[in-house]
């Protein structure tokens, strides 16, 4: 996707998003291809999607655990 498509899809300002995309490209998380003036981004390695899913699960578990701890402290 290009910056405009990504911005509309995830609701982030295009300028801010462009900076993040540039950082991810510099770190080889994303690759790009250019068609005219439009730059398209994609993951450098599709296996990253599996890694992102695992990180999401870990974060959700941590949030739930923290929620339980907060509830027990307040109760």
Protein backbone atom coordinates (compact mmCIF):
# COMPACT_ATOMS: atom_id res chain seq x y z
CA UNK A 1 0.00 0.00 0.00
CA UNK A 2 1.04 3.58 -0.35
CA UNK A 3 1.03 6.24 2.38
CA UNK A 4 -2.40 7.59 1.41
CA UNK A 5 -3.98 4.12 1.50
CA UNK A 6 -2.33 3.25 4.80
CA UNK A 7 -3.24 6.57 6.38
CA UNK A 8 -6.90 6.16 5.48
CA UNK A 9 -6.96 2.57 6.62
CA UNK A 10 -5.43 3.09 10.04
CA UNK A 11 -6.39 6.72 10.66
CA UNK A 12 -2.94 8.23 11.17
CA UNK A 13 -1.77 11.57 9.80
CA UNK A 14 0.17 11.05 6.55
CA UNK A 15 3.18 13.10 7.69
CA UNK A 16 3.55 11.14 10.91
CA UNK A 17 2.97 7.86 9.09
CA UNK A 18 5.60 8.70 6.47
CA UNK A 19 8.19 9.18 9.20
CA UNK A 20 7.34 5.82 10.76
CA UNK A 21 7.42 4.08 7.38
CA UNK A 22 10.80 5.62 6.64
CA UNK A 23 12.20 4.36 9.94
CA UNK A 24 10.86 0.87 9.27
CA UNK A 25 12.32 0.93 5.75
CA UNK A 26 15.72 2.00 7.15
CA UNK A 27 15.60 -0.95 9.54
CA UNK A 28 14.64 -3.31 6.69
CA UNK A 29 11.26 -4.14 8.16
CA UNK A 30 9.61 -2.77 5.01
CA UNK A 31 10.60 -2.77 1.37
CA UNK A 32 9.41 -0.27 -1.20
CA UNK A 33 8.73 0.01 -4.88
CA UNK A 34 8.07 3.20 -6.72
CA UNK A 35 5.59 3.79 -9.53
CA UNK A 36 5.95 7.36 -10.74
CA UNK A 37 5.66 9.56 -7.66
CA UNK A 38 3.93 6.91 -5.58
CA UNK A 39 5.88 4.70 -3.17
CA UNK A 40 4.36 1.36 -2.19
CA UNK A 41 5.34 -0.38 1.04
CA UNK A 42 5.25 -4.02 2.04
CA UNK A 43 6.73 -6.20 4.73
CA UNK A 44 10.24 -7.35 3.90
CA UNK A 45 9.47 -10.80 5.26
CA UNK A 46 5.91 -12.17 5.55
CA UNK A 47 6.97 -14.20 8.61
CA UNK A 48 6.84 -10.90 10.51
CA UNK A 49 3.05 -11.21 10.53
CA UNK A 50 3.39 -14.32 12.70
CA UNK A 51 5.76 -12.45 15.01
CA UNK A 52 3.30 -9.54 15.25
CA UNK A 53 0.49 -11.95 16.15
CA UNK A 54 2.60 -13.42 18.95
CA UNK A 55 3.49 -9.95 20.27
CA UNK A 56 -0.19 -8.99 20.18
CA UNK A 57 -1.10 -12.07 22.23
CA UNK A 58 1.62 -11.26 24.78
CA UNK A 59 0.45 -7.66 25.11
CA UNK A 60 -3.18 -8.70 25.54
CA UNK A 61 -2.20 -11.21 28.22
CA UNK A 62 -0.17 -8.55 30.02
CA UNK A 63 -3.00 -6.01 29.87
CA UNK A 64 -5.42 -8.58 31.30
CA UNK A 65 -2.95 -9.51 34.03
CA UNK A 66 -2.39 -5.85 34.91
CA UNK A 67 -6.16 -5.31 34.94
CA UNK A 68 -6.57 -8.16 37.42
CA UNK A 69 -3.82 -6.69 39.61
CA UNK A 70 -5.45 -3.24 39.52
CA UNK A 71 -8.86 -4.73 40.34
CA UNK A 72 -7.42 -6.63 43.34
CA UNK A 73 -5.69 -3.47 44.64
CA UNK A 74 -8.85 -1.39 44.31
CA UNK A 75 -11.14 -4.03 45.84
